[in-house]
Amino acid sequence: MPSARLPGGSAERALLILVLVPFLLGAAAAPSEDEHVVFAFKDKQITESSGLVALPDGLFVTTNDSGDDARVFTVDDHGRTVGVTTWADDATDVEALAPASADEVWVGDTGDNRSSRDSVQVARVPVGRGDRTSHAPVYDLTYPDGAHDAETLLAGPDGRLYLVTKGFLGGTVYAAPTHLDPDADNRLVRLGTAGAILPMATDGTFLPDGGHVLIRGYGSAAVYDFPSLDRVTGFGLPAQPQGEGLAVAADGTLYTSSEGIFSKVLRLPQSGRCSADAGICALDRAATAQPPPTPPAEPHVAPRTDRQWWPWLLVGGVGVAVIWLQARLLRRR
């Protein structure tokens, strides 16, 4: 029987609109006035920054996702590209970075929007000033329960790698083998409960104490005890067009980044720094209330955690519209 068509478009288009709403809302959100901008990327080739690492010497590393070459960019604290590392002949969807040493990062070719890849790849590559081509081995990672999309790569204090999936209802943590084999499939092991991590996770990092991990989404972040993965607390992040980067410096300072050409890297203010001793972000205790009970004395020193109501109304409205369209489609059959 021929399929019924909806006036002005198909049900698939309506569902696509619903999926795109969070991204459209992020793009429309104005940056908070009290953000602390460290720099904006000045390189026109950095168009979809997805992943961020803060190096000990004050440099930063980022990478493009979705179809770019297998390369990572090293930038200085003015946003100028000072080095590019090419690490493979090609890549599928590079989405994540994790610190490896003072002059190396782990690169995660782990994106899989359609959940169709047989395996994903990671590599440990050198970074820093100057261009270079790395011939480091590439390791295949395989999930134990089918393909997943992941944009978060974590490197534990002992060097072990972890992937956090980007689930619409919640992410799941998978551990890589302690010793990776470049000539074999390295099978991941699921940790904790499926869907236990905040939804739509886009990046994360171990905190300086090694006993907690911080995971971010597009507008919020959460701290988890490790390895239990018990949620400690969560907090809002400064508004960015499409926040997909998170890094923590050795002193506990948090940095966030976003996709988009000439996008900004933000430093969360002093109240948002993570203590190297306690491993818990001070922001979690001091500024999680939305809105805070009393306005700060200096508005520019605290990240904006209040959110406007209209995006949620819009999301709800789109959801209702999709359900209505689907009901009409079913009635016409």
C-alpha atoms as a PDB file:
ATOM      1  CA  MET A   1       0.000   0.000   0.000  1.00  0.00           C
ATOM      2  CA  PRO A   2       1.424   3.423  -0.868  1.00  0.00           C
ATOM      3  CA  SER A   3       2.523   5.372   2.140  1.00  0.00           C
ATOM      4  CA  ALA A   4       0.504   8.368   3.253  1.00  0.00           C
ATOM      5  CA  ARG A   5       2.226  11.716   3.056  1.00  0.00           C
ATOM      6  CA  LEU A   6       1.824  14.530   5.501  1.00  0.00           C
ATOM      7  CA  PRO A   7       0.926  17.970   4.216  1.00  0.00           C
ATOM      8  CA  GLY A   8       4.075  19.982   3.624  1.00  0.00           C
ATOM      9  CA  GLY A   9       6.485  17.111   4.484  1.00  0.00           C
ATOM     10  CA  SER A  10       6.897  13.560   5.776  1.00  0.00           C
ATOM     11  CA  ALA A  11       6.820  12.121   9.274  1.00  0.00           C
ATOM     12  CA  GLU A  12      10.542  11.517   8.915  1.00  0.00           C
ATOM     13  CA  ARG A  13      11.090  15.237   8.418  1.00  0.00           C
ATOM     14  CA  ALA A  14       9.030  16.020  11.477  1.00  0.00           C
ATOM     15  CA  LEU A  15      11.062  13.592  13.557  1.00  0.00           C
ATOM     16  CA  LEU A  16      14.272  15.069  12.159  1.00  0.00           C
ATOM     17  CA  ILE A  17      13.152  18.507  13.301  1.00  0.00           C
ATOM     18  CA  LEU A  18      12.591  17.139  16.789  1.00  0.00           C
ATOM     19  CA  VAL A  19      16.109  15.680  16.861  1.00  0.00           C
ATOM     20  CA  LEU A  20      17.633  18.949  15.651  1.00  0.00           C
ATOM     21  CA  VAL A  21      15.857  21.173  18.188  1.00  0.00           C
ATOM     22  CA  PRO A  22      18.558  20.895  20.918  1.00  0.00           C
ATOM     23  CA  PHE A  23      21.244  21.914  18.422  1.00  0.00           C
ATOM     24  CA  LEU A  24      19.177  24.819  17.099  1.00  0.00           C
ATOM     25  CA  LEU A  25      18.539  26.029  20.624  1.00  0.00           C
ATOM     26  CA  GLY A  26      22.235  25.858  21.420  1.00  0.00           C
ATOM     27  CA  ALA A  27      23.100  27.850  18.326  1.00  0.00           C
ATOM     28  CA  ALA A  28      20.525  30.497  19.200  1.00  0.00           C
ATOM     29  CA  ALA A  29      21.612  30.868  22.827  1.00  0.00           C
ATOM     30  CA  ALA A  30      23.494  34.068  23.535  1.00  0.00           C
ATOM     31  CA  PRO A  31      26.717  33.681  25.521  1.00  0.00           C
ATOM     32  CA  SER A  32      26.382  34.736  29.121  1.00  0.00           C
ATOM     33  CA  GLU A  33      27.644  38.210  29.937  1.00  0.00           C
ATOM     34  CA  ASP A  34      29.670  36.939  32.841  1.00  0.00           C
ATOM     35  CA  GLU A  35      31.677  34.365  30.903  1.00  0.00           C
ATOM     36  CA  HIS A  36      35.438  34.556  31.070  1.00  0.00           C
ATOM     37  CA  VAL A  37      36.770  34.289  27.519  1.00  0.00           C
ATOM     38  CA  VAL A  38      40.356  33.066  27.374  1.00  0.00           C
ATOM     39  CA  PHE A  39      40.574  33.303  23.591  1.00  0.00           C
ATOM     40  CA  ALA A  40      38.788  32.561  20.331  1.00  0.00           C
ATOM     41  CA  PHE A  41      40.282  30.138  17.819  1.00  0.00           C
ATOM     42  CA  LYS A  42      41.866  32.184  15.041  1.00  0.00           C
ATOM     43  CA  ASP A  43      42.427  29.336  12.596  1.00  0.00           C
ATOM     44  CA  LYS A  44      39.713  29.078   9.914  1.00  0.00           C
ATOM     45  CA  GLN A  45      40.449  25.358   9.704  1.00  0.00           C
ATOM     46  CA  ILE A  46      39.156  24.844  13.257  1.00  0.00           C
ATOM     47  CA  THR A  47      35.470  24.777  12.400  1.00  0.00           C
ATOM     48  CA  GLU A  48      34.030  22.050  14.645  1.00  0.00           C
ATOM     49  CA  SER A  49      36.136  21.933  17.785  1.00  0.00           C
ATOM     50  CA  SER A  50      35.124  18.731  19.544  1.00  0.00           C
ATOM     51  CA  GLY A  51      37.398  17.893  22.426  1.00  0.00           C
ATOM     52  CA  LEU A  52      39.861  19.974  24.426  1.00  0.00           C
ATOM     53  CA  VAL A  53      43.051  19.263  26.376  1.00  0.00           C
ATOM     54  CA  ALA A  54      45.000  21.796  28.462  1.00  0.00           C
ATOM     55  CA  LEU A  55      48.737  21.090  28.303  1.00  0.00           C
ATOM     56  CA  PRO A  56      51.035  21.898  31.263  1.00  0.00           C
ATOM     57  CA  ASP A  57      52.891  24.602  29.303  1.00  0.00           C
ATOM     58  CA  GLY A  58      49.768  26.702  28.761  1.00  0.00           C
ATOM     59  CA  LEU A  59      48.970  25.381  25.286  1.00  0.00           C
ATOM     60  CA  PHE A  60      45.676  23.759  24.289  1.00  0.00           C
ATOM     61  CA  VAL A  61      44.859  20.932  21.912  1.00  0.00           C
ATOM     62  CA  THR A  62      41.633  20.518  19.945  1.00  0.00           C
ATOM     63  CA  THR A  63      40.328  18.568  16.956  1.00  0.00           C
ATOM     64  CA  ASN A  64      37.560  18.834  14.386  1.00  0.00           C
ATOM     65  CA  ASP A  65      34.865  16.185  14.159  1.00  0.00           C
ATOM     66  CA  SER A  66      32.646  14.886  11.353  1.00  0.00           C
ATOM     67  CA  GLY A  67      34.687  14.257   8.261  1.00  0.00           C
ATOM     68  CA  ASP A  68      37.872  16.231   8.878  1.00  0.00           C
ATOM     69  CA  ASP A  69      41.305  14.739   8.290  1.00  0.00           C
ATOM     70  CA  ALA A  70      43.025  12.773  11.027  1.00  0.00           C
ATOM     71  CA  ARG A  71      44.682  15.785  12.627  1.00  0.00           C
ATOM     72  CA  VAL A  72      44.826  17.700  15.885  1.00  0.00           C
ATOM     73  CA  PHE A  73      45.630  21.370  16.447  1.00  0.00           C
ATOM     74  CA  THR A  74      47.840  22.860  19.150  1.00  0.00           C
ATOM     75  CA  VAL A  75      46.961  26.480  19.938  1.00  0.00           C
ATOM     76  CA  ASP A  76      48.431  29.055  22.285  1.00  0.00           C
ATOM     77  CA  ASP A  77      46.539  31.110  24.861  1.00  0.00           C
ATOM     78  CA  HIS A  78      45.751  33.709  22.197  1.00  0.00           C
ATOM     79  CA  GLY A  79      43.967  31.164  20.009  1.00  0.00           C
ATOM     80  CA  ARG A  80      46.730  31.006  17.386  1.00  0.00           C
ATOM     81  CA  THR A  81      47.528  27.615  15.904  1.00  0.00           C
ATOM     82  CA  VAL A  82      51.183  26.813  16.671  1.00  0.00           C
ATOM     83  CA  GLY A  83      51.252  23.160  15.619  1.00  0.00           C
ATOM     84  CA  VAL A  84      49.306  20.516  13.704  1.00  0.00           C
ATOM     85  CA  THR A  85      49.755  16.773  14.151  1.00  0.00           C
ATOM     86  CA  THR A  86      48.540  14.389  11.469  1.00  0.00           C
ATOM     87  CA  TRP A  87      48.187  10.922  12.918  1.00  0.00           C
ATOM     88  CA  ALA A  88      46.640   8.638  10.295  1.00  0.00           C
ATOM     89  CA  ASP A  89      45.819   8.394   6.596  1.00  0.00           C
ATOM     90  CA  ASP A  90      42.126   8.952   7.255  1.00  0.00           C
ATOM     91  CA  ALA A  91      39.520   9.044  10.000  1.00  0.00           C
ATOM     92  CA  THR A  92      35.790   8.412  10.274  1.00  0.00           C
ATOM     93  CA  ASP A  93      34.555  10.778  12.988  1.00  0.00           C
ATOM     94  CA  VAL A  94      37.097  12.118  15.462  1.00  0.00           C
ATOM     95  CA  GLU A  95      35.123  13.306  18.488  1.00  0.00           C
ATOM     96  CA  ALA A  96      37.301  13.112  21.572  1.00  0.00           C
ATOM     97  CA  LEU A  97      40.647  13.918  23.143  1.00  0.00           C
ATOM     98  CA  ALA A  98      42.213  12.920  26.448  1.00  0.00           C
ATOM     99  CA  PRO A  99      45.554  13.896  28.032  1.00  0.00           C
ATOM    100  CA  ALA A 100      48.327  11.298  27.771  1.00  0.00           C
ATOM    101  CA  SER A 101      51.491  13.151  28.892  1.00  0.00           C
ATOM    102  CA  ALA A 102      52.977  16.638  28.890  1.00  0.00           C
ATOM    103  CA  ASP A 103      53.357  16.499  25.111  1.00  0.00           C
ATOM    104  CA  GLU A 104      50.970  13.754  23.976  1.00  0.00           C
ATOM    105  CA  VAL A 105      47.221  13.267  23.759  1.00  0.00           C
ATOM    106  CA  TRP A 106      44.914  10.364  23.105  1.00  0.00           C
ATOM    107  CA  VAL A 107      42.760  10.924  20.025  1.00  0.00           C
ATOM    108  CA  GLY A 108      39.397   9.173  19.822  1.00  0.00           C
ATOM    109  CA  ASP A 109      37.896   8.379  16.406  1.00  0.00           C
ATOM    110  CA  THR A 110      34.775   7.284  18.247  1.00  0.00           C
ATOM    111  CA  GLY A 111      31.831   9.113  16.687  1.00  0.00           C
ATOM    112  CA  ASP A 112      29.065   6.891  15.327  1.00  0.00           C
ATOM    113  CA  ASN A 113      25.812   8.783  14.879  1.00  0.00           C
ATOM    114  CA  ARG A 114      24.135   5.839  13.159  1.00  0.00           C
ATOM    115  CA  SER A 115      25.546   3.229  15.570  1.00  0.00           C
ATOM    116  CA  SER A 116      26.818   1.195  12.628  1.00  0.00           C
ATOM    117  CA  ARG A 117      30.600   0.887  13.088  1.00  0.00           C
ATOM    118  CA  ASP A 118      32.110  -2.511  13.835  1.00  0.00           C
ATOM    119  CA  SER A 119      34.855  -0.836  15.864  1.00  0.00           C
ATOM    120  CA  VAL A 120      36.196   2.586  16.815  1.00  0.00           C
ATOM    121  CA  GLN A 121      39.803   3.720  17.037  1.00  0.00           C
ATOM    122  CA  VAL A 122      42.159   5.518  19.421  1.00  0.00           C
ATOM    123  CA  ALA A 123      45.767   6.615  19.024  1.00  0.00           C
ATOM    124  CA  ARG A 124      48.344   8.286  21.251  1.00  0.00           C
ATOM    125  CA  VAL A 125      49.999  11.104  19.326  1.00  0.00           C
ATOM    126  CA  PRO A 126      52.579  13.828  20.029  1.00  0.00           C
ATOM    127  CA  VAL A 127      51.445  17.452  20.142  1.00  0.00           C
ATOM    128  CA  GLY A 128      53.049  20.828  20.677  1.00  0.00           C
ATOM    129  CA  ARG A 129      54.658  23.558  18.643  1.00  0.00           C
ATOM    130  CA  GLY A 130      55.482  22.680  15.052  1.00  0.00           C
ATOM    131  CA  ASP A 131      53.806  20.483  12.455  1.00  0.00           C
ATOM    132  CA  ARG A 132      54.441  16.758  12.445  1.00  0.00           C
ATOM    133  CA  THR A 133      53.165  13.434  11.163  1.00  0.00           C
ATOM    134  CA  SER A 134      52.756  10.708  13.751  1.00  0.00           C
ATOM    135  CA  HIS A 135      53.149   7.016  12.919  1.00  0.00           C
ATOM    136  CA  ALA A 136      51.875   5.911  16.304  1.00  0.00           C
ATOM    137  CA  PRO A 137      49.860   2.672  16.321  1.00  0.00           C
ATOM    138  CA  VAL A 138      46.099   2.879  15.982  1.00  0.00           C
ATOM    139  CA  TYR A 139      44.056   0.652  18.300  1.00  0.00           C
ATOM    140  CA  ASP A 140      40.658  -0.842  17.459  1.00  0.00           C
ATOM    141  CA  LEU A 141      38.076  -0.868  20.267  1.00  0.00           C
ATOM    142  CA  THR A 142      34.940  -3.026  20.122  1.00  0.00           C
ATOM    143  CA  TYR A 143      31.847  -2.703  22.304  1.00  0.00           C
ATOM    144  CA  PRO A 144      30.529  -5.885  23.946  1.00  0.00           C
ATOM    145  CA  ASP A 145      26.890  -5.059  23.159  1.00  0.00           C
ATOM    146  CA  GLY A 146      26.830  -3.498  19.703  1.00  0.00           C
ATOM    147  CA  ALA A 147      27.834  -0.155  18.275  1.00  0.00           C
ATOM    148  CA  HIS A 148      27.441   3.128  20.174  1.00  0.00           C
ATOM    149  CA  ASP A 149      28.073   6.802  19.518  1.00  0.00           C
ATOM    150  CA  ALA A 150      30.659   8.288  21.895  1.00  0.00           C
ATOM    151  CA  GLU A 151      32.188  11.762  22.130  1.00  0.00           C
ATOM    152  CA  THR A 152      33.893  11.382  25.513  1.00  0.00           C
ATOM    153  CA  LEU A 153      37.282   9.752  26.004  1.00  0.00           C
ATOM    154  CA  LEU A 154      38.756   9.568  29.510  1.00  0.00           C
ATOM    155  CA  ALA A 155      42.317   8.697  30.498  1.00  0.00           C
ATOM    156  CA  GLY A 156      42.618   7.438  34.057  1.00  0.00           C
ATOM    157  CA  PRO A 157      45.534   8.158  36.396  1.00  0.00           C
ATOM    158  CA  ASP A 158      46.997   4.752  35.488  1.00  0.00           C
ATOM    159  CA  GLY A 159      46.677   5.465  31.765  1.00  0.00           C
ATOM    160  CA  ARG A 160      43.661   3.210  31.174  1.00  0.00           C
ATOM    161  CA  LEU A 161      41.126   4.568  28.688  1.00  0.00           C
ATOM    162  CA  TYR A 162      37.361   4.836  29.073  1.00  0.00           C
ATOM    163  CA  LEU A 163      34.628   5.723  26.600  1.00  0.00           C
ATOM    164  CA  VAL A 164      31.368   7.395  27.633  1.00  0.00           C
ATOM    165  CA  THR A 165      28.530   6.981  25.161  1.00  0.00           C
ATOM    166  CA  LYS A 166      26.329   9.868  24.040  1.00  0.00           C
ATOM    167  CA  GLY A 167      22.913   8.491  24.937  1.00  0.00           C
ATOM    168  CA  PHE A 168      19.753  10.553  24.556  1.00  0.00           C
ATOM    169  CA  LEU A 169      18.462   9.200  27.878  1.00  0.00           C
ATOM    170  CA  GLY A 170      21.863   8.762  29.514  1.00  0.00           C
ATOM    171  CA  GLY A 171      25.403   7.640  28.775  1.00  0.00           C
ATOM    172  CA  THR A 172      27.267   4.464  29.670  1.00  0.00           C
ATOM    173  CA  VAL A 173      30.935   4.058  30.637  1.00  0.00           C
ATOM    174  CA  TYR A 174      33.098   1.401  28.953  1.00  0.00           C
ATOM    175  CA  ALA A 175      36.660   0.524  29.975  1.00  0.00           C
ATOM    176  CA  ALA A 176      39.363  -0.398  27.483  1.00  0.00           C
ATOM    177  CA  PRO A 177      41.855  -3.172  28.280  1.00  0.00           C
ATOM    178  CA  THR A 178      44.746  -2.073  30.441  1.00  0.00           C
ATOM    179  CA  HIS A 179      47.184  -2.982  27.674  1.00  0.00           C
ATOM    180  CA  LEU A 180      46.074  -2.208  24.126  1.00  0.00           C
ATOM    181  CA  ASP A 181      47.080  -4.445  21.222  1.00  0.00           C
ATOM    182  CA  PRO A 182      47.488  -2.713  17.828  1.00  0.00           C
ATOM    183  CA  ASP A 183      47.050  -6.041  16.011  1.00  0.00           C
ATOM    184  CA  ALA A 184      43.848  -7.240  17.664  1.00  0.00           C
ATOM    185  CA  ASP A 185      40.357  -6.166  18.579  1.00  0.00           C
ATOM    186  CA  ASN A 186      40.483  -4.601  22.034  1.00  0.00           C
ATOM    187  CA  ARG A 187      37.157  -5.478  23.642  1.00  0.00           C
ATOM    188  CA  LEU A 188      35.585  -2.867  25.902  1.00  0.00           C
ATOM    189  CA  VAL A 189      33.971  -3.743  29.230  1.00  0.00           C
ATOM    190  CA  ARG A 190      30.886  -1.941  30.491  1.00  0.00           C
ATOM    191  CA  LEU A 191      31.173  -0.296  33.915  1.00  0.00           C
ATOM    192  CA  GLY A 192      28.256   0.543  36.191  1.00  0.00           C
ATOM    193  CA  THR A 193      24.675   0.806  35.032  1.00  0.00           C
ATOM    194  CA  ALA A 194      23.709   1.508  31.443  1.00  0.00           C
ATOM    195  CA  GLY A 195      22.474   5.086  31.042  1.00  0.00           C
ATOM    196  CA  ALA A 196      23.885   6.203  34.405  1.00  0.00           C
ATOM    197  CA  ILE A 197      25.774   9.218  32.987  1.00  0.00           C
ATOM    198  CA  LEU A 198      24.051  12.492  32.095  1.00  0.00           C
ATOM    199  CA  PRO A 199      22.302  12.499  28.686  1.00  0.00           C
ATOM    200  CA  MET A 200      24.029  13.720  25.524  1.00  0.00           C
ATOM    201  CA  ALA A 201      27.544  13.665  26.998  1.00  0.00           C
ATOM    202  CA  THR A 202      29.932  15.586  24.737  1.00  0.00           C
ATOM    203  CA  ASP A 203      33.212  15.508  26.685  1.00  0.00           C
ATOM    204  CA  GLY A 204      34.715  14.709  30.046  1.00  0.00           C
ATOM    205  CA  THR A 205      37.868  14.462  32.097  1.00  0.00           C
ATOM    206  CA  PHE A 206      39.283  12.963  35.255  1.00  0.00           C
ATOM    207  CA  LEU A 207      39.685  15.559  37.980  1.00  0.00           C
ATOM    208  CA  PRO A 208      43.136  16.130  39.517  1.00  0.00           C
ATOM    209  CA  ASP A 209      42.529  13.813  42.472  1.00  0.00           C
ATOM    210  CA  GLY A 210      41.990  10.844  40.132  1.00  0.00           C
ATOM    211  CA  GLY A 211      38.967   9.744  42.128  1.00  0.00           C
ATOM    212  CA  HIS A 212      36.300  11.726  40.299  1.00  0.00           C
ATOM    213  CA  VAL A 213      35.312  12.355  36.704  1.00  0.00           C
ATOM    214  CA  LEU A 214      33.562  15.392  35.286  1.00  0.00           C
ATOM    215  CA  ILE A 215      31.241  14.868  32.305  1.00  0.00           C
ATOM    216  CA  ARG A 216      29.672  17.702  30.316  1.00  0.00           C
ATOM    217  CA  GLY A 217      26.665  17.951  28.026  1.00  0.00           C
ATOM    218  CA  TYR A 218      25.587  20.896  25.916  1.00  0.00           C
ATOM    219  CA  GLY A 219      24.494  23.042  28.852  1.00  0.00           C
ATOM    220  CA  SER A 220      25.396  21.284  32.081  1.00  0.00           C
ATOM    221  CA  ALA A 221      28.004  19.083  33.734  1.00  0.00           C
ATOM    222  CA  ALA A 222      28.055  16.450  36.454  1.00  0.00           C
ATOM    223  CA  VAL A 223      30.699  15.043  38.802  1.00  0.00           C
ATOM    224  CA  TYR A 224      30.859  11.285  39.415  1.00  0.00           C
ATOM    225  CA  ASP A 225      32.800   9.273  41.941  1.00  0.00           C
ATOM    226  CA  PHE A 226      35.186   6.838  40.303  1.00  0.00           C
ATOM    227  CA  PRO A 227      35.077   3.899  39.942  1.00  0.00           C
ATOM    228  CA  SER A 228      31.638   3.591  41.545  1.00  0.00           C
ATOM    229  CA  LEU A 229      30.185   6.159  39.074  1.00  0.00           C
ATOM    230  CA  ASP A 230      27.871   7.454  41.778  1.00  0.00           C
ATOM    231  CA  ARG A 231      26.739  10.950  40.872  1.00  0.00           C
ATOM    232  CA  VAL A 232      28.105  13.520  43.323  1.00  0.00           C
ATOM    233  CA  THR A 233      26.487  16.666  41.958  1.00  0.00           C
ATOM    234  CA  GLY A 234      25.802  18.656  38.809  1.00  0.00           C
ATOM    235  CA  PHE A 235      25.789  22.277  37.675  1.00  0.00           C
ATOM    236  CA  GLY A 236      25.026  24.495  34.707  1.00  0.00           C
ATOM    237  CA  LEU A 237      27.678  25.700  32.271  1.00  0.00           C
ATOM    238  CA  PRO A 238      28.005  29.090  30.581  1.00  0.00           C
ATOM    239  CA  ALA A 239      25.969  29.220  27.385  1.00  0.00           C
ATOM    240  CA  GLN A 240      27.860  28.308  24.210  1.00  0.00           C
ATOM    241  CA  PRO A 241      26.594  27.645  20.674  1.00  0.00           C
ATOM    242  CA  GLN A 242      27.376  23.900  20.806  1.00  0.00           C
ATOM    243  CA  GLY A 243      29.579  23.056  23.748  1.00  0.00           C
ATOM    244  CA  GLU A 244      31.608  19.926  23.042  1.00  0.00           C
ATOM    245  CA  GLY A 245      34.937  20.532  24.778  1.00  0.00           C
ATOM    246  CA  LEU A 246      36.040  20.268  28.411  1.00  0.00           C
ATOM    247  CA  ALA A 247      39.517  20.365  29.939  1.00  0.00           C
ATOM    248  CA  VAL A 248      40.950  20.680  33.422  1.00  0.00           C
ATOM    249  CA  ALA A 249      44.407  22.114  34.111  1.00  0.00           C
ATOM    250  CA  ALA A 250      46.750  20.752  36.753  1.00  0.00           C
ATOM    251  CA  ASP A 251      45.659  23.490  39.165  1.00  0.00           C
ATOM    252  CA  GLY A 252      42.011  22.517  38.717  1.00  0.00           C
ATOM    253  CA  THR A 253      40.962  25.340  36.397  1.00  0.00           C
ATOM    254  CA  LEU A 254      38.155  24.274  34.080  1.00  0.00           C
ATOM    255  CA  TYR A 255      37.973  25.244  30.413  1.00  0.00           C
ATOM    256  CA  THR A 256      35.098  24.723  27.986  1.00  0.00           C
ATOM    257  CA  SER A 257      34.979  25.029  24.208  1.00  0.00           C
ATOM    258  CA  SER A 258      32.397  24.956  21.453  1.00  0.00           C
ATOM    259  CA  GLU A 259      31.972  24.096  17.805  1.00  0.00           C
ATOM    260  CA  GLY A 260      31.854  26.898  15.229  1.00  0.00           C
ATOM    261  CA  ILE A 261      34.421  28.923  13.341  1.00  0.00           C
ATOM    262  CA  PHE A 262      36.316  31.340  15.615  1.00  0.00           C
ATOM    263  CA  SER A 263      34.503  29.819  18.600  1.00  0.00           C
ATOM    264  CA  LYS A 264      35.536  30.793  22.129  1.00  0.00           C
ATOM    265  CA  VAL A 265      37.314  28.901  24.864  1.00  0.00           C
ATOM    266  CA  LEU A 266      36.024  29.884  28.288  1.00  0.00           C
ATOM    267  CA  ARG A 267      37.669  29.668  31.681  1.00  0.00           C
ATOM    268  CA  LEU A 268      35.221  28.921  34.443  1.00  0.00           C
ATOM    269  CA  PRO A 269      35.829  31.470  37.212  1.00  0.00           C
ATOM    270  CA  GLN A 270      37.526  30.835  40.529  1.00  0.00           C
ATOM    271  CA  SER A 271      34.336  29.472  42.062  1.00  0.00           C
ATOM    272  CA  GLY A 272      34.251  26.889  39.287  1.00  0.00           C
ATOM    273  CA  ARG A 273      37.748  25.529  39.783  1.00  0.00           C
ATOM    274  CA  CYS A 274      38.168  21.925  40.832  1.00  0.00           C
ATOM    275  CA  SER A 275      40.292  21.389  43.886  1.00  0.00           C
ATOM    276  CA  ALA A 276      43.331  19.227  43.276  1.00  0.00           C
ATOM    277  CA  ASP A 277      42.983  17.956  46.850  1.00  0.00           C
ATOM    278  CA  ALA A 278      39.260  17.325  47.099  1.00  0.00           C
ATOM    279  CA  GLY A 279      38.626  16.633  43.430  1.00  0.00           C
ATOM    280  CA  ILE A 280      35.196  18.233  43.668  1.00  0.00           C
ATOM    281  CA  CYS A 281      34.344  21.422  41.844  1.00  0.00           C
ATOM    282  CA  ALA A 282      33.717  24.313  44.218  1.00  0.00           C
ATOM    283  CA  LEU A 283      31.046  25.385  41.782  1.00  0.00           C
ATOM    284  CA  ASP A 284      29.050  22.300  42.670  1.00  0.00           C
ATOM    285  CA  ARG A 285      28.577  23.493  46.232  1.00  0.00           C
ATOM    286  CA  ALA A 286      28.543  27.239  45.713  1.00  0.00           C
ATOM    287  CA  ALA A 287      26.611  27.910  42.548  1.00  0.00           C
ATOM    288  CA  THR A 288      24.351  25.035  41.592  1.00  0.00           C
ATOM    289  CA  ALA A 289      21.106  26.707  42.590  1.00  0.00           C
ATOM    290  CA  GLN A 290      19.255  28.097  39.586  1.00  0.00           C
ATOM    291  CA  PRO A 291      18.939  30.965  40.124  1.00  0.00           C
ATOM    292  CA  PRO A 292      21.337  31.415  43.072  1.00  0.00           C
ATOM    293  CA  PRO A 293      19.664  32.502  46.299  1.00  0.00           C
ATOM    294  CA  THR A 294      21.467  35.844  46.275  1.00  0.00           C
ATOM    295  CA  PRO A 295      22.985  37.701  43.352  1.00  0.00           C
ATOM    296  CA  PRO A 296      26.805  37.623  43.331  1.00  0.00           C
ATOM    297  CA  ALA A 297      28.630  40.778  44.268  1.00  0.00           C
ATOM    298  CA  GLU A 298      30.455  40.722  40.940  1.00  0.00           C
ATOM    299  CA  PRO A 299      28.232  39.172  38.278  1.00  0.00           C
ATOM    300  CA  HIS A 300      31.135  38.531  35.934  1.00  0.00           C
ATOM    301  CA  VAL A 301      32.837  36.030  38.242  1.00  0.00           C
ATOM    302  CA  ALA A 302      30.182  33.320  38.305  1.00  0.00           C
ATOM    303  CA  PRO A 303      28.970  31.205  35.393  1.00  0.00           C
ATOM    304  CA  ARG A 304      25.410  31.827  34.347  1.00  0.00           C
ATOM    305  CA  THR A 305      23.247  28.915  35.387  1.00  0.00           C
ATOM    306  CA  ASP A 306      19.789  30.364  34.797  1.00  0.00           C
ATOM    307  CA  ARG A 307      18.086  29.323  31.606  1.00  0.00           C
ATOM    308  CA  GLN A 308      15.201  30.949  29.763  1.00  0.00           C
ATOM    309  CA  TRP A 309      11.876  29.124  29.736  1.00  0.00           C
ATOM    310  CA  TRP A 310      11.102  29.506  26.059  1.00  0.00           C
ATOM    311  CA  PRO A 311      13.487  26.781  24.767  1.00  0.00           C
ATOM    312  CA  TRP A 312      11.757  24.174  26.906  1.00  0.00           C
ATOM    313  CA  LEU A 313       8.351  25.393  25.747  1.00  0.00           C
ATOM    314  CA  LEU A 314       9.548  25.148  22.155  1.00  0.00           C
ATOM    315  CA  VAL A 315      10.868  21.615  22.655  1.00  0.00           C
ATOM    316  CA  GLY A 316       7.561  20.574  24.222  1.00  0.00           C
ATOM    317  CA  GLY A 317       5.616  22.192  21.411  1.00  0.00           C
ATOM    318  CA  VAL A 318       7.627  20.401  18.757  1.00  0.00           C
ATOM    319  CA  GLY A 319       7.130  17.104  20.567  1.00  0.00           C
ATOM    320  CA  VAL A 320       3.364  17.618  20.714  1.00  0.00           C
ATOM    321  CA  ALA A 321       3.320  18.541  17.023  1.00  0.00           C
ATOM    322  CA  VAL A 322       5.214  15.391  16.053  1.00  0.00           C
ATOM    323  CA  ILE A 323       2.826  13.210  18.067  1.00  0.00           C
ATOM    324  CA  TRP A 324      -0.152  14.933  16.422  1.00  0.00           C
ATOM    325  CA  LEU A 325       1.295  14.406  12.948  1.00  0.00           C
ATOM    326  CA  GLN A 326       1.977  10.749  13.648  1.00  0.00           C
ATOM    327  CA  ALA A 327      -1.610  10.277  14.889  1.00  0.00           C
ATOM    328  CA  ARG A 328      -2.973  11.816  11.689  1.00  0.00           C
ATOM    329  CA  LEU A 329      -0.759   9.589   9.610  1.00  0.00           C
ATOM    330  CA  LEU A 330      -2.028   6.492  11.379  1.00  0.00           C
ATOM    331  CA  ARG A 331      -5.659   7.542  10.928  1.00  0.00           C
ATOM    332  CA  ARG A 332      -5.166   7.874   7.180  1.00  0.00           C
ATOM    333  CA  ARG A 333      -3.957   4.322   6.753  1.00  0.00           C
END
